[in-house]
Amino acid sequence: MNLKVIDTEFSVCKVEDYTQIDLNEDYVFTGHTDEEHSLVCPTTLIPDNTTEHNDGWKAFRIEGMLDFSLIGILSKISGLLADNAIGIFAISTFNTDYILTKAENFERAIKLLQSAGYTIIYGKT
């Protein structure tokens, strides 16, 4: 399985609303519940109406479109990283999954996944 490194620093944010977010920018993820408006975006795109944010995240994605019938892909990756004390923040889209780790753990996470047989792809995102 191929994992593509996204060459961007990310932030996980809580925002007042989504009015200051350009949803056409790459790698902008939102989540709205009865309690909050969440945003994951490149750190350079943090909007002014952010009430809290946690910076210093790096990401990779599982390459290719994942069929909804596939089971355990995210579980295997997150389990391997958890077994090595690396926390994740996972985001699923219609096509695939994105996994974020804190920047200080990212290279170690990539090396562990590569050792486990995953192919790591670097390059322009």
PDB file of N, CA and C in Angstrom:
ATOM      1  N   MET A   1       0.842  -1.170   0.000  1.00  0.00           N
ATOM      2  CA  MET A   1       0.000   0.000   0.000  1.00  0.00           C
ATOM      3  C   MET A   1       0.889   1.234   0.000  1.00  0.00           C
ATOM      4  N   ASN A   2       0.493   2.239  -0.779  1.00  0.00           N
ATOM      5  CA  ASN A   2       1.265   3.459  -0.911  1.00  0.00           C
ATOM      6  C   ASN A   2       0.751   4.550   0.018  1.00  0.00           C
ATOM      7  N   LEU A   3       1.680   5.221   0.678  1.00  0.00           N
ATOM      8  CA  LEU A   3       1.371   6.345   1.549  1.00  0.00           C
ATOM      9  C   LEU A   3       2.091   7.568   1.002  1.00  0.00           C
ATOM     10  N   LYS A   4       1.347   8.622   0.729  1.00  0.00           N
ATOM     11  CA  LYS A   4       1.911   9.847   0.145  1.00  0.00           C
ATOM     12  C   LYS A   4       2.088  10.906   1.214  1.00  0.00           C
ATOM     13  N   VAL A   5       3.321  11.363   1.394  1.00  0.00           N
ATOM     14  CA  VAL A   5       3.635  12.415   2.349  1.00  0.00           C
ATOM     15  C   VAL A   5       3.138  13.745   1.785  1.00  0.00           C
ATOM     16  N   ILE A   6       2.427  14.499   2.613  1.00  0.00           N
ATOM     17  CA  ILE A   6       1.943  15.819   2.240  1.00  0.00           C
ATOM     18  C   ILE A   6       2.928  16.837   2.819  1.00  0.00           C
ATOM     19  N   ASP A   7       3.579  17.595   1.963  1.00  0.00           N
ATOM     20  CA  ASP A   7       4.639  18.507   2.385  1.00  0.00           C
ATOM     21  C   ASP A   7       4.056  19.840   2.853  1.00  0.00           C
ATOM     22  N   THR A   8       3.344  19.800   3.974  1.00  0.00           N
ATOM     23  CA  THR A   8       2.679  20.975   4.542  1.00  0.00           C
ATOM     24  C   THR A   8       2.616  20.807   6.044  1.00  0.00           C
ATOM     25  N   GLU A   9       2.743  21.901   6.785  1.00  0.00           N
ATOM     26  CA  GLU A   9       2.497  21.849   8.227  1.00  0.00           C
ATOM     27  C   GLU A   9       1.032  22.187   8.456  1.00  0.00           C
ATOM     28  N   PHE A  10       0.385  21.395   9.313  1.00  0.00           N
ATOM     29  CA  PHE A  10      -1.040  21.551   9.575  1.00  0.00           C
ATOM     30  C   PHE A  10      -1.301  22.030  10.997  1.00  0.00           C
ATOM     31  N   SER A  11      -2.485  22.619  11.159  1.00  0.00           N
ATOM     32  CA  SER A  11      -2.994  23.003  12.474  1.00  0.00           C
ATOM     33  C   SER A  11      -4.403  22.453  12.629  1.00  0.00           C
ATOM     34  N   VAL A  12      -4.726  22.073  13.850  1.00  0.00           N
ATOM     35  CA  VAL A  12      -6.072  21.627  14.203  1.00  0.00           C
ATOM     36  C   VAL A  12      -6.695  22.770  14.995  1.00  0.00           C
ATOM     37  N   CYS A  13      -7.838  23.269  14.520  1.00  0.00           N
ATOM     38  CA  CYS A  13      -8.406  24.500  15.066  1.00  0.00           C
ATOM     39  C   CYS A  13      -9.862  24.337  15.491  1.00  0.00           C
ATOM     40  N   LYS A  14     -10.245  25.215  16.402  1.00  0.00           N
ATOM     41  CA  LYS A  14     -11.646  25.445  16.721  1.00  0.00           C
ATOM     42  C   LYS A  14     -11.927  26.868  16.259  1.00  0.00           C
ATOM     43  N   VAL A  15     -12.974  27.043  15.432  1.00  0.00           N
ATOM     44  CA  VAL A  15     -13.288  28.356  14.881  1.00  0.00           C
ATOM     45  C   VAL A  15     -14.706  28.769  15.263  1.00  0.00           C
ATOM     46  N   GLU A  16     -14.953  30.082  15.246  1.00  0.00           N
ATOM     47  CA  GLU A  16     -16.287  30.593  15.562  1.00  0.00           C
ATOM     48  C   GLU A  16     -17.297  30.160  14.494  1.00  0.00           C
ATOM     49  N   ASP A  17     -16.885  30.244  13.233  1.00  0.00           N
ATOM     50  CA  ASP A  17     -17.713  29.800  12.098  1.00  0.00           C
ATOM     51  C   ASP A  17     -16.781  29.625  10.905  1.00  0.00           C
ATOM     52  N   TYR A  18     -17.342  29.302   9.746  1.00  0.00           N
ATOM     53  CA  TYR A  18     -16.523  29.013   8.573  1.00  0.00           C
ATOM     54  C   TYR A  18     -16.464  30.169   7.576  1.00  0.00           C
ATOM     55  N   THR A  19     -16.879  31.353   7.965  1.00  0.00           N
ATOM     56  CA  THR A  19     -16.953  32.475   7.029  1.00  0.00           C
ATOM     57  C   THR A  19     -15.590  32.944   6.525  1.00  0.00           C
ATOM     58  N   GLN A  20     -14.527  32.690   7.281  1.00  0.00           N
ATOM     59  CA  GLN A  20     -13.202  33.152   6.879  1.00  0.00           C
ATOM     60  C   GLN A  20     -12.352  32.057   6.246  1.00  0.00           C
ATOM     61  N   ILE A  21     -12.977  30.965   5.876  1.00  0.00           N
ATOM     62  CA  ILE A  21     -12.249  29.824   5.323  1.00  0.00           C
ATOM     63  C   ILE A  21     -12.560  29.694   3.834  1.00  0.00           C
ATOM     64  N   ASP A  22     -11.516  29.598   3.026  1.00  0.00           N
ATOM     65  CA  ASP A  22     -11.685  29.348   1.600  1.00  0.00           C
ATOM     66  C   ASP A  22     -11.694  27.836   1.398  1.00  0.00           C
ATOM     67  N   LEU A  23     -12.873  27.288   1.200  1.00  0.00           N
ATOM     68  CA  LEU A  23     -13.004  25.835   1.051  1.00  0.00           C
ATOM     69  C   LEU A  23     -12.411  25.313  -0.254  1.00  0.00           C
ATOM     70  N   ASN A  24     -11.976  26.204  -1.130  1.00  0.00           N
ATOM     71  CA  ASN A  24     -11.331  25.785  -2.376  1.00  0.00           C
ATOM     72  C   ASN A  24      -9.828  25.588  -2.219  1.00  0.00           C
ATOM     73  N   GLU A  25      -9.283  25.956  -1.064  1.00  0.00           N
ATOM     74  CA  GLU A  25      -7.867  25.708  -0.792  1.00  0.00           C
ATOM     75  C   GLU A  25      -7.648  24.207  -0.609  1.00  0.00           C
ATOM     76  N   ASP A  26      -6.458  23.745  -0.933  1.00  0.00           N
ATOM     77  CA  ASP A  26      -6.124  22.332  -0.735  1.00  0.00           C
ATOM     78  C   ASP A  26      -5.981  22.022   0.756  1.00  0.00           C
ATOM     79  N   TYR A  27      -6.389  20.843   1.124  1.00  0.00           N
ATOM     80  CA  TYR A  27      -6.215  20.306   2.477  1.00  0.00           C
ATOM     81  C   TYR A  27      -6.904  21.140   3.549  1.00  0.00           C
ATOM     82  N   VAL A  28      -8.152  21.470   3.311  1.00  0.00           N
ATOM     83  CA  VAL A  28      -8.986  22.154   4.291  1.00  0.00           C
ATOM     84  C   VAL A  28     -10.102  21.186   4.667  1.00  0.00           C
ATOM     85  N   PHE A  29     -10.148  20.806   5.919  1.00  0.00           N
ATOM     86  CA  PHE A  29     -11.116  19.840   6.415  1.00  0.00           C
ATOM     87  C   PHE A  29     -11.940  20.497   7.516  1.00  0.00           C
ATOM     88  N   THR A  30     -13.258  20.382   7.432  1.00  0.00           N
ATOM     89  CA  THR A  30     -14.124  20.970   8.448  1.00  0.00           C
ATOM     90  C   THR A  30     -15.005  19.901   9.071  1.00  0.00           C
ATOM     91  N   GLY A  31     -15.426  20.162  10.283  1.00  0.00           N
ATOM     92  CA  GLY A  31     -16.367  19.294  10.982  1.00  0.00           C
ATOM     93  C   GLY A  31     -17.220  20.145  11.904  1.00  0.00           C
ATOM     94  N   HIS A  32     -18.535  19.991  11.789  1.00  0.00           N
ATOM     95  CA  HIS A  32     -19.454  20.806  12.585  1.00  0.00           C
ATOM     96  C   HIS A  32     -20.360  19.869  13.379  1.00  0.00           C
ATOM     97  N   THR A  33     -20.383  20.074  14.687  1.00  0.00           N
ATOM     98  CA  THR A  33     -21.263  19.305  15.559  1.00  0.00           C
ATOM     99  C   THR A  33     -22.134  20.276  16.342  1.00  0.00           C
ATOM    100  N   ASP A  34     -22.924  19.751  17.256  1.00  0.00           N
ATOM    101  CA  ASP A  34     -23.736  20.620  18.104  1.00  0.00           C
ATOM    102  C   ASP A  34     -22.888  21.378  19.120  1.00  0.00           C
ATOM    103  N   GLU A  35     -21.599  21.043  19.234  1.00  0.00           N
ATOM    104  CA  GLU A  35     -20.721  21.674  20.219  1.00  0.00           C
ATOM    105  C   GLU A  35     -19.636  22.567  19.622  1.00  0.00           C
ATOM    106  N   GLU A  36     -19.293  22.371  18.355  1.00  0.00           N
ATOM    107  CA  GLU A  36     -18.142  23.106  17.846  1.00  0.00           C
ATOM    108  C   GLU A  36     -18.086  23.139  16.325  1.00  0.00           C
ATOM    109  N   HIS A  37     -17.263  24.063  15.840  1.00  0.00           N
ATOM    110  CA  HIS A  37     -16.849  24.128  14.444  1.00  0.00           C
ATOM    111  C   HIS A  37     -15.355  23.810  14.439  1.00  0.00           C
ATOM    112  N   SER A  38     -14.976  22.696  13.852  1.00  0.00           N
ATOM    113  CA  SER A  38     -13.571  22.309  13.804  1.00  0.00           C
ATOM    114  C   SER A  38     -13.009  22.530  12.408  1.00  0.00           C
ATOM    115  N   LEU A  39     -11.714  22.743  12.373  1.00  0.00           N
ATOM    116  CA  LEU A  39     -11.019  22.982  11.115  1.00  0.00           C
ATOM    117  C   LEU A  39      -9.637  22.367  11.210  1.00  0.00           C
ATOM    118  N   VAL A  40      -9.247  21.648  10.177  1.00  0.00           N
ATOM    119  CA  VAL A  40      -7.861  21.216  10.011  1.00  0.00           C
ATOM    120  C   VAL A  40      -7.414  21.838   8.698  1.00  0.00           C
ATOM    121  N   CYS A  41      -6.303  22.570   8.748  1.00  0.00           N
ATOM    122  CA  CYS A  41      -5.849  23.280   7.553  1.00  0.00           C
ATOM    123  C   CYS A  41      -4.343  23.499   7.630  1.00  0.00           C
ATOM    124  N   PRO A  42      -3.745  23.863   6.491  1.00  0.00           N
ATOM    125  CA  PRO A  42      -2.348  24.277   6.563  1.00  0.00           C
ATOM    126  C   PRO A  42      -2.206  25.438   7.544  1.00  0.00           C
ATOM    127  N   THR A  43      -1.152  25.427   8.316  1.00  0.00           N
ATOM    128  CA  THR A  43      -0.944  26.440   9.342  1.00  0.00           C
ATOM    129  C   THR A  43      -0.982  27.850   8.749  1.00  0.00           C
ATOM    130  N   THR A  44      -0.560  27.993   7.525  1.00  0.00           N
ATOM    131  CA  THR A  44      -0.566  29.314   6.875  1.00  0.00           C
ATOM    132  C   THR A  44      -1.982  29.827   6.613  1.00  0.00           C
ATOM    133  N   LEU A  45      -2.989  28.977   6.744  1.00  0.00           N
ATOM    134  CA  LEU A  45      -4.366  29.372   6.444  1.00  0.00           C
ATOM    135  C   LEU A  45      -5.245  29.528   7.684  1.00  0.00           C
ATOM    136  N   ILE A  46      -4.670  29.532   8.883  1.00  0.00           N
ATOM    137  CA  ILE A  46      -5.482  29.676  10.095  1.00  0.00           C
ATOM    138  C   ILE A  46      -6.241  31.002  10.020  1.00  0.00           C
ATOM    139  N   PRO A  47      -7.570  30.953  10.126  1.00  0.00           N
ATOM    140  CA  PRO A  47      -8.340  32.197  10.025  1.00  0.00           C
ATOM    141  C   PRO A  47      -8.298  33.015  11.327  1.00  0.00           C
ATOM    142  N   ASP A  48      -8.643  34.298  11.207  1.00  0.00           N
ATOM    143  CA  ASP A  48      -8.627  35.201  12.362  1.00  0.00           C
ATOM    144  C   ASP A  48      -9.667  34.836  13.416  1.00  0.00           C
ATOM    145  N   ASN A  49     -10.734  34.147  13.026  1.00  0.00           N
ATOM    146  CA  ASN A  49     -11.787  33.832  13.992  1.00  0.00           C
ATOM    147  C   ASN A  49     -11.561  32.485  14.679  1.00  0.00           C
ATOM    148  N   THR A  50     -10.302  32.050  14.723  1.00  0.00           N
ATOM    149  CA  THR A  50      -9.929  30.826  15.434  1.00  0.00           C
ATOM    150  C   THR A  50      -9.892  31.121  16.934  1.00  0.00           C
ATOM    151  N   THR A  51     -10.559  30.276  17.714  1.00  0.00           N
ATOM    152  CA  THR A  51     -10.578  30.472  19.169  1.00  0.00           C
ATOM    153  C   THR A  51      -9.530  29.614  19.880  1.00  0.00           C
ATOM    154  N   GLU A  52      -9.166  28.494  19.275  1.00  0.00           N
ATOM    155  CA  GLU A  52      -8.100  27.626  19.800  1.00  0.00           C
ATOM    156  C   GLU A  52      -7.450  26.925  18.617  1.00  0.00           C
ATOM    157  N   HIS A  53      -6.166  26.632  18.740  1.00  0.00           N
ATOM    158  CA  HIS A  53      -5.523  25.818  17.696  1.00  0.00           C
ATOM    159  C   HIS A  53      -4.319  25.090  18.266  1.00  0.00           C
ATOM    160  N   ASN A  54      -4.019  23.973  17.628  1.00  0.00           N
ATOM    161  CA  ASN A  54      -2.882  23.148  17.996  1.00  0.00           C
ATOM    162  C   ASN A  54      -2.056  22.987  16.730  1.00  0.00           C
ATOM    163  N   ASP A  55      -0.864  23.536  16.727  1.00  0.00           N
ATOM    164  CA  ASP A  55      -0.001  23.551  15.544  1.00  0.00           C
ATOM    165  C   ASP A  55       0.989  22.377  15.586  1.00  0.00           C
ATOM    166  N   GLY A  56       1.729  22.258  14.493  1.00  0.00           N
ATOM    167  CA  GLY A  56       2.832  21.300  14.459  1.00  0.00           C
ATOM    168  C   GLY A  56       2.449  19.897  14.031  1.00  0.00           C
ATOM    169  N   TRP A  57       1.515  19.763  13.110  1.00  0.00           N
ATOM    170  CA  TRP A  57       1.102  18.461  12.596  1.00  0.00           C
ATOM    171  C   TRP A  57       1.634  18.269  11.183  1.00  0.00           C
ATOM    172  N   LYS A  58       2.027  17.052  10.859  1.00  0.00           N
ATOM    173  CA  LYS A  58       2.429  16.644   9.503  1.00  0.00           C
ATOM    174  C   LYS A  58       1.490  15.519   9.080  1.00  0.00           C
ATOM    175  N   ALA A  59       1.368  15.308   7.762  1.00  0.00           N
ATOM    176  CA  ALA A  59       0.363  14.359   7.290  1.00  0.00           C
ATOM    177  C   ALA A  59       0.852  13.495   6.131  1.00  0.00           C
ATOM    178  N   PHE A  60       0.191  12.368   6.000  1.00  0.00           N
ATOM    179  CA  PHE A  60       0.302  11.539   4.799  1.00  0.00           C
ATOM    180  C   PHE A  60      -1.084  11.006   4.494  1.00  0.00           C
ATOM    181  N   ARG A  61      -1.272  10.580   3.266  1.00  0.00           N
ATOM    182  CA  ARG A  61      -2.551   9.995   2.884  1.00  0.00           C
ATOM    183  C   ARG A  61      -2.331   8.618   2.281  1.00  0.00           C
ATOM    184  N   ILE A  62      -3.334   7.810   2.387  1.00  0.00           N
ATOM    185  CA  ILE A  62      -3.323   6.513   1.739  1.00  0.00           C
ATOM    186  C   ILE A  62      -3.662   6.765   0.279  1.00  0.00           C
ATOM    187  N   GLU A  63      -2.774   6.396  -0.612  1.00  0.00           N
ATOM    188  CA  GLU A  63      -2.937   6.691  -2.035  1.00  0.00           C
ATOM    189  C   GLU A  63      -4.024   5.827  -2.662  1.00  0.00           C
ATOM    190  N   GLY A  64      -4.738   6.423  -3.579  1.00  0.00           N
ATOM    191  CA  GLY A  64      -5.771   5.721  -4.328  1.00  0.00           C
ATOM    192  C   GLY A  64      -7.117   5.822  -3.645  1.00  0.00           C
ATOM    193  N   MET A  65      -8.140   5.539  -4.404  1.00  0.00           N
ATOM    194  CA  MET A  65      -9.492   5.555  -3.855  1.00  0.00           C
ATOM    195  C   MET A  65      -9.730   4.258  -3.082  1.00  0.00           C
ATOM    196  N   LEU A  66     -10.188   4.401  -1.855  1.00  0.00           N
ATOM    197  CA  LEU A  66     -10.452   3.241  -1.008  1.00  0.00           C
ATOM    198  C   LEU A  66     -11.926   2.868  -1.112  1.00  0.00           C
ATOM    199  N   ASP A  67     -12.176   1.644  -1.463  1.00  0.00           N
ATOM    200  CA  ASP A  67     -13.543   1.150  -1.549  1.00  0.00           C
ATOM    201  C   ASP A  67     -14.117   1.034  -0.136  1.00  0.00           C
ATOM    202  N   PHE A  68     -15.388   1.369   0.017  1.00  0.00           N
ATOM    203  CA  PHE A  68     -16.012   1.329   1.341  1.00  0.00           C
ATOM    204  C   PHE A  68     -16.050  -0.089   1.923  1.00  0.00           C
ATOM    205  N   SER A  69     -15.886  -1.104   1.098  1.00  0.00           N
ATOM    206  CA  SER A  69     -15.916  -2.474   1.608  1.00  0.00           C
ATOM    207  C   SER A  69     -14.582  -2.903   2.217  1.00  0.00           C
ATOM    208  N   LEU A  70     -13.526  -2.108   1.996  1.00  0.00           N
ATOM    209  CA  LEU A  70     -12.224  -2.446   2.570  1.00  0.00           C
ATOM    210  C   LEU A  70     -12.266  -2.225   4.075  1.00  0.00           C
ATOM    211  N   ILE A  71     -11.749  -3.187   4.804  1.00  0.00           N
ATOM    212  CA  ILE A  71     -11.830  -3.158   6.263  1.00  0.00           C
ATOM    213  C   ILE A  71     -10.432  -3.200   6.864  1.00  0.00           C
ATOM    214  N   GLY A  72     -10.206  -2.356   7.868  1.00  0.00           N
ATOM    215  CA  GLY A  72      -8.994  -2.474   8.672  1.00  0.00           C
ATOM    216  C   GLY A  72      -7.796  -1.693   8.208  1.00  0.00           C
ATOM    217  N   ILE A  73      -7.896  -0.927   7.132  1.00  0.00           N
ATOM    218  CA  ILE A  73      -6.726  -0.196   6.637  1.00  0.00           C
ATOM    219  C   ILE A  73      -6.256   0.825   7.668  1.00  0.00           C
ATOM    220  N   LEU A  74      -7.152   1.673   8.098  1.00  0.00           N
ATOM    221  CA  LEU A  74      -6.803   2.685   9.100  1.00  0.00           C
ATOM    222  C   LEU A  74      -6.436   2.040  10.430  1.00  0.00           C
ATOM    223  N   SER A  75      -7.116   0.969  10.775  1.00  0.00           N
ATOM    224  CA  SER A  75      -6.847   0.260  12.025  1.00  0.00           C
ATOM    225  C   SER A  75      -5.423  -0.288  12.064  1.00  0.00           C
ATOM    226  N   LYS A  76      -4.951  -0.846  10.958  1.00  0.00           N
ATOM    227  CA  LYS A  76      -3.595  -1.398  10.923  1.00  0.00           C
ATOM    228  C   LYS A  76      -2.546  -0.307  11.085  1.00  0.00           C
ATOM    229  N   ILE A  77      -2.749   0.798  10.385  1.00  0.00           N
ATOM    230  CA  ILE A  77      -1.788   1.899  10.479  1.00  0.00           C
ATOM    231  C   ILE A  77      -1.809   2.506  11.883  1.00  0.00           C
ATOM    232  N   SER A  78      -3.001   2.803  12.384  1.00  0.00           N
ATOM    233  CA  SER A  78      -3.088   3.433  13.706  1.00  0.00           C
ATOM    234  C   SER A  78      -2.599   2.492  14.796  1.00  0.00           C
ATOM    235  N   GLY A  79      -2.841   1.188  14.657  1.00  0.00           N
ATOM    236  CA  GLY A  79      -2.367   0.216  15.637  1.00  0.00           C
ATOM    237  C   GLY A  79      -0.851   0.143  15.687  1.00  0.00           C
ATOM    238  N   LEU A  80      -0.226   0.131  14.512  1.00  0.00           N
ATOM    239  CA  LEU A  80       1.237   0.101  14.450  1.00  0.00           C
ATOM    240  C   LEU A  80       1.826   1.345  15.112  1.00  0.00           C
ATOM    241  N   LEU A  81       1.250   2.498  14.810  1.00  0.00           N
ATOM    242  CA  LEU A  81       1.759   3.731  15.405  1.00  0.00           C
ATOM    243  C   LEU A  81       1.480   3.785  16.901  1.00  0.00           C
ATOM    244  N   ALA A  82       0.300   3.354  17.319  1.00  0.00           N
ATOM    245  CA  ALA A  82      -0.031   3.333  18.756  1.00  0.00           C
ATOM    246  C   ALA A  82       0.906   2.406  19.519  1.00  0.00           C
ATOM    247  N   ASP A  83       1.229   1.257  18.936  1.00  0.00           N
ATOM    248  CA  ASP A  83       2.155   0.321  19.583  1.00  0.00           C
ATOM    249  C   ASP A  83       3.540   0.935  19.797  1.00  0.00           C
ATOM    250  N   ASN A  84       3.824   2.006  19.054  1.00  0.00           N
ATOM    251  CA  ASN A  84       5.110   2.689  19.165  1.00  0.00           C
ATOM    252  C   ASN A  84       4.963   4.086  19.759  1.00  0.00           C
ATOM    253  N   ALA A  85       3.876   4.287  20.501  1.00  0.00           N
ATOM    254  CA  ALA A  85       3.607   5.524  21.248  1.00  0.00           C
ATOM    255  C   ALA A  85       3.546   6.771  20.368  1.00  0.00           C
ATOM    256  N   ILE A  86       2.975   6.612  19.170  1.00  0.00           N
ATOM    257  CA  ILE A  86       2.780   7.742  18.271  1.00  0.00           C
ATOM    258  C   ILE A  86       1.276   7.956  18.098  1.00  0.00           C
ATOM    259  N   GLY A  87       0.796   9.092  18.595  1.00  0.00           N
ATOM    260  CA  GLY A  87      -0.610   9.426  18.461  1.00  0.00           C
ATOM    261  C   GLY A  87      -0.921   9.941  17.066  1.00  0.00           C
ATOM    262  N   ILE A  88      -2.169   9.789  16.663  1.00  0.00           N
ATOM    263  CA  ILE A  88      -2.577  10.262  15.344  1.00  0.00           C
ATOM    264  C   ILE A  88      -3.839  11.107  15.436  1.00  0.00           C
ATOM    265  N   PHE A  89      -4.079  11.861  14.388  1.00  0.00           N
ATOM    266  CA  PHE A  89      -5.336  12.557  14.140  1.00  0.00           C
ATOM    267  C   PHE A  89      -5.728  12.112  12.742  1.00  0.00           C
ATOM    268  N   ALA A  90      -6.800  11.358  12.621  1.00  0.00           N
ATOM    269  CA  ALA A  90      -7.203  10.795  11.336  1.00  0.00           C
ATOM    270  C   ALA A  90      -8.378  11.563  10.753  1.00  0.00           C
ATOM    271  N   ILE A  91      -8.344  11.743   9.436  1.00  0.00           N
ATOM    272  CA  ILE A  91      -9.423  12.389   8.706  1.00  0.00           C
ATOM    273  C   ILE A  91      -9.771  11.486   7.530  1.00  0.00           C
ATOM    274  N   SER A  92     -11.038  11.175   7.405  1.00  0.00           N
ATOM    275  CA  SER A  92     -11.486  10.372   6.273  1.00  0.00           C
ATOM    276  C   SER A  92     -12.290  11.248   5.320  1.00  0.00           C
ATOM    277  N   THR A  93     -12.014  11.086   4.034  1.00  0.00           N
ATOM    278  CA  THR A  93     -12.792  11.737   2.996  1.00  0.00           C
ATOM    279  C   THR A  93     -13.508  10.651   2.209  1.00  0.00           C
ATOM    280  N   PHE A  94     -14.262  11.032   1.211  1.00  0.00           N
ATOM    281  CA  PHE A  94     -14.965  10.039   0.405  1.00  0.00           C
ATOM    282  C   PHE A  94     -13.975   9.073  -0.245  1.00  0.00           C
ATOM    283  N   ASN A  95     -12.848   9.592  -0.726  1.00  0.00           N
ATOM    284  CA  ASN A  95     -11.890   8.772  -1.463  1.00  0.00           C
ATOM    285  C   ASN A  95     -10.885   8.026  -0.609  1.00  0.00           C
ATOM    286  N   THR A  96     -10.419   8.639   0.480  1.00  0.00           N
ATOM    287  CA  THR A  96      -9.276   8.042   1.177  1.00  0.00           C
ATOM    288  C   THR A  96      -9.190   8.530   2.627  1.00  0.00           C
ATOM    289  N   ASP A  97      -8.120   8.165   3.290  1.00  0.00           N
ATOM    290  CA  ASP A  97      -7.865   8.585   4.669  1.00  0.00           C
ATOM    291  C   ASP A  97      -6.572   9.386   4.711  1.00  0.00           C
ATOM    292  N   TYR A  98      -6.566  10.387   5.580  1.00  0.00           N
ATOM    293  CA  TYR A  98      -5.395  11.198   5.862  1.00  0.00           C
ATOM    294  C   TYR A  98      -5.030  10.950   7.315  1.00  0.00           C
ATOM    295  N   ILE A  99      -3.750  10.761   7.589  1.00  0.00           N
ATOM    296  CA  ILE A  99      -3.283  10.531   8.952  1.00  0.00           C
ATOM    297  C   ILE A  99      -2.273  11.614   9.289  1.00  0.00           C
ATOM    298  N   LEU A 100      -2.525  12.300  10.399  1.00  0.00           N
ATOM    299  CA  LEU A 100      -1.625  13.345  10.875  1.00  0.00           C
ATOM    300  C   LEU A 100      -0.969  12.868  12.164  1.00  0.00           C
ATOM    301  N   THR A 101       0.302  13.187  12.305  1.00  0.00           N
ATOM    302  CA  THR A 101       1.020  12.976  13.564  1.00  0.00           C
ATOM    303  C   THR A 101       1.704  14.293  13.910  1.00  0.00           C
ATOM    304  N   LYS A 102       2.058  14.450  15.153  1.00  0.00           N
ATOM    305  CA  LYS A 102       2.824  15.633  15.526  1.00  0.00           C
ATOM    306  C   LYS A 102       4.159  15.586  14.762  1.00  0.00           C
ATOM    307  N   ALA A 103       4.636  16.755  14.385  1.00  0.00           N
ATOM    308  CA  ALA A 103       5.839  16.857  13.550  1.00  0.00           C
ATOM    309  C   ALA A 103       7.036  16.132  14.164  1.00  0.00           C
ATOM    310  N   GLU A 104       7.164  16.198  15.493  1.00  0.00           N
ATOM    311  CA  GLU A 104       8.326  15.565  16.129  1.00  0.00           C
ATOM    312  C   GLU A 104       8.301  14.039  16.040  1.00  0.00           C
ATOM    313  N   ASN A 105       7.143  13.460  15.727  1.00  0.00           N
ATOM    314  CA  ASN A 105       7.025  12.002  15.591  1.00  0.00           C
ATOM    315  C   ASN A 105       6.924  11.543  14.140  1.00  0.00           C
ATOM    316  N   PHE A 106       6.838  12.495  13.216  1.00  0.00           N
ATOM    317  CA  PHE A 106       6.486  12.153  11.841  1.00  0.00           C
ATOM    318  C   PHE A 106       7.515  11.256  11.163  1.00  0.00           C
ATOM    319  N   GLU A 107       8.778  11.605  11.202  1.00  0.00           N
ATOM    320  CA  GLU A 107       9.798  10.794  10.520  1.00  0.00           C
ATOM    321  C   GLU A 107       9.875   9.389  11.122  1.00  0.00           C
ATOM    322  N   ARG A 108       9.741   9.305  12.426  1.00  0.00           N
ATOM    323  CA  ARG A 108       9.751   7.983  13.065  1.00  0.00           C
ATOM    324  C   ARG A 108       8.540   7.167  12.608  1.00  0.00           C
ATOM    325  N   ALA A 109       7.377   7.820  12.494  1.00  0.00           N
ATOM    326  CA  ALA A 109       6.170   7.140  12.019  1.00  0.00           C
ATOM    327  C   ALA A 109       6.366   6.627  10.597  1.00  0.00           C
ATOM    328  N   ILE A 110       6.922   7.465   9.747  1.00  0.00           N
ATOM    329  CA  ILE A 110       7.152   7.069   8.355  1.00  0.00           C
ATOM    330  C   ILE A 110       8.112   5.883   8.285  1.00  0.00           C
ATOM    331  N   LYS A 111       9.170   5.911   9.068  1.00  0.00           N
ATOM    332  CA  LYS A 111      10.144   4.806   9.071  1.00  0.00           C
ATOM    333  C   LYS A 111       9.500   3.512   9.572  1.00  0.00           C
ATOM    334  N   LEU A 112       8.661   3.602  10.602  1.00  0.00           N
ATOM    335  CA  LEU A 112       7.967   2.416  11.103  1.00  0.00           C
ATOM    336  C   LEU A 112       7.041   1.823  10.045  1.00  0.00           C
ATOM    337  N   LEU A 113       6.311   2.688   9.372  1.00  0.00           N
ATOM    338  CA  LEU A 113       5.390   2.212   8.338  1.00  0.00           C
ATOM    339  C   LEU A 113       6.152   1.610   7.165  1.00  0.00           C
ATOM    340  N   GLN A 114       7.255   2.218   6.801  1.00  0.00           N
ATOM    341  CA  GLN A 114       8.080   1.678   5.721  1.00  0.00           C
ATOM    342  C   GLN A 114       8.635   0.308   6.116  1.00  0.00           C
ATOM    343  N   SER A 115       9.077   0.172   7.351  1.00  0.00           N
ATOM    344  CA  SER A 115       9.585  -1.112   7.844  1.00  0.00           C
ATOM    345  C   SER A 115       8.500  -2.180   7.853  1.00  0.00           C
ATOM    346  N   ALA A 116       7.255  -1.747   7.994  1.00  0.00           N
ATOM    347  CA  ALA A 116       6.130  -2.681   8.017  1.00  0.00           C
ATOM    348  C   ALA A 116       5.641  -3.029   6.613  1.00  0.00           C
ATOM    349  N   GLY A 117       6.301  -2.498   5.582  1.00  0.00           N
ATOM    350  CA  GLY A 117       5.962  -2.872   4.217  1.00  0.00           C
ATOM    351  C   GLY A 117       5.187  -1.845   3.411  1.00  0.00           C
ATOM    352  N   TYR A 118       4.893  -0.692   4.001  1.00  0.00           N
ATOM    353  CA  TYR A 118       4.214   0.368   3.255  1.00  0.00           C
ATOM    354  C   TYR A 118       5.228   1.093   2.373  1.00  0.00           C
ATOM    355  N   THR A 119       4.803   1.486   1.177  1.00  0.00           N
ATOM    356  CA  THR A 119       5.642   2.259   0.284  1.00  0.00           C
ATOM    357  C   THR A 119       5.373   3.735   0.552  1.00  0.00           C
ATOM    358  N   ILE A 120       6.432   4.477   0.816  1.00  0.00           N
ATOM    359  CA  ILE A 120       6.310   5.904   1.119  1.00  0.00           C
ATOM    360  C   ILE A 120       6.651   6.690  -0.135  1.00  0.00           C
ATOM    361  N   ILE A 121       5.751   7.595  -0.500  1.00  0.00           N
ATOM    362  CA  ILE A 121       5.929   8.419  -1.694  1.00  0.00           C
ATOM    363  C   ILE A 121       6.163   9.852  -1.250  1.00  0.00           C
ATOM    364  N   TYR A 122       7.257  10.427  -1.694  1.00  0.00           N
ATOM    365  CA  TYR A 122       7.568  11.832  -1.439  1.00  0.00           C
ATOM    366  C   TYR A 122       7.411  12.573  -2.762  1.00  0.00           C
ATOM    367  N   GLY A 123       7.236  13.851  -2.684  1.00  0.00           N
ATOM    368  CA  GLY A 123       7.168  14.647  -3.904  1.00  0.00           C
ATOM    369  C   GLY A 123       6.141  15.737  -3.791  1.00  0.00           C
ATOM    370  N   LYS A 124       5.968  16.424  -4.887  1.00  0.00           N
ATOM    371  CA  LYS A 124       5.036  17.559  -4.910  1.00  0.00           C
ATOM    372  C   LYS A 124       3.636  17.074  -4.595  1.00  0.00           C
ATOM    373  N   THR A 125       2.942  17.839  -3.718  1.00  0.00           N
ATOM    374  CA  THR A 125       1.569  17.498  -3.349  1.00  0.00           C
ATOM    375  C   THR A 125       0.586  18.253  -4.185  1.00  0.00           C
TER     376      THR A 125
END
